[in-house]
Amino acid sequence: MTDEQREERNRKRHEEYCERIMTDQQRAEQNRKWREAYKEKSHAVNKENDPVGGVMAQHSMGKGSYVIS
């Protein structure tokens, strides 16, 4: 393989690599979406397990229940 052929092959590889990798902006956008989805999922799970205002509190208190202090 001549030097010119090797350089051409390396140039093509480099161009393909650059097309495949994400830009910093794309990576930041992907991470932002991941964090939002994780936060929503985490918040939903925490809300269900919340003894004060979540689903569990509604079930344990019942419709006509009241607290005597």
Protein backbone atom coordinates (compact mmCIF):
# COMPACT_ATOMS: atom_id res chain seq x y z
CA MET A 1 0.00 0.00 0.00
CA THR A 2 1.42 3.35 -0.94
CA ASP A 3 1.53 6.35 1.33
CA GLU A 4 -1.18 8.07 -0.70
CA GLN A 5 -3.51 5.08 -0.35
CA ARG A 6 -2.84 4.88 3.37
CA GLU A 7 -3.54 8.60 3.79
CA GLU A 8 -6.77 8.29 1.79
CA ARG A 9 -7.90 5.31 3.89
CA ASN A 10 -7.09 7.15 7.13
CA ARG A 11 -8.90 10.26 5.94
CA LYS A 12 -12.04 8.23 5.16
CA ARG A 13 -11.87 6.51 8.54
CA HIS A 14 -11.54 9.85 10.26
CA GLU A 15 -14.52 11.30 8.37
CA GLU A 16 -16.65 8.26 9.24
CA TYR A 17 -15.63 8.51 12.87
CA CYS A 18 -16.51 12.21 13.00
CA GLU A 19 -19.93 11.49 11.53
CA ARG A 20 -20.61 8.76 14.11
CA ILE A 21 -19.63 10.60 17.27
CA MET A 22 -22.07 12.91 18.98
CA THR A 23 -21.36 16.56 19.24
CA ASP A 24 -21.16 18.09 22.71
CA GLN A 25 -24.52 19.72 22.13
CA GLN A 26 -26.16 16.42 21.12
CA ARG A 27 -24.66 14.67 24.16
CA ALA A 28 -25.87 17.45 26.48
CA GLU A 29 -29.37 17.21 25.00
CA GLN A 30 -29.42 13.43 25.41
CA ASN A 31 -28.23 13.72 29.02
CA ARG A 32 -30.85 16.39 29.77
CA LYS A 33 -33.63 14.17 28.45
CA TRP A 34 -32.30 11.21 30.45
CA ARG A 35 -32.17 13.27 33.65
CA GLU A 36 -35.72 14.57 33.14
CA ALA A 37 -37.08 11.08 32.55
CA TYR A 38 -35.22 9.75 35.58
CA LYS A 39 -36.48 12.61 37.75
CA GLU A 40 -40.10 12.02 36.66
CA LYS A 41 -39.81 8.30 37.25
CA SER A 42 -38.12 8.79 40.62
CA HIS A 43 -40.66 11.42 41.67
CA ALA A 44 -43.59 9.15 40.75
CA VAL A 45 -42.18 6.26 42.79
CA ASN A 46 -41.47 8.50 45.77
CA LYS A 47 -44.96 9.99 45.62
CA GLU A 48 -46.55 6.54 45.77
CA ASN A 49 -44.51 5.64 48.85
CA ASP A 50 -45.05 8.99 50.58
CA PRO A 51 -46.98 8.31 53.82
CA VAL A 52 -48.17 11.93 54.07
CA GLY A 53 -49.59 12.85 50.68
CA GLY A 54 -49.22 9.91 48.37
CA VAL A 55 -51.38 7.00 47.33
CA MET A 56 -50.61 5.05 50.51
CA ALA A 57 -51.98 7.86 52.69
CA GLN A 58 -55.20 7.96 50.71
CA HIS A 59 -55.73 4.24 51.19
CA SER A 60 -54.85 4.21 54.89
CA MET A 61 -57.00 7.22 55.78
CA GLY A 62 -60.12 6.14 53.92
CA LYS A 63 -62.88 8.39 52.74
CA GLY A 64 -64.63 9.17 56.04
CA SER A 65 -61.63 8.91 58.35
CA TYR A 66 -60.47 11.71 60.58
CA VAL A 67 -57.66 12.11 63.07
CA ILE A 68 -58.36 12.88 66.75
CA SER A 69 -55.63 14.84 68.46
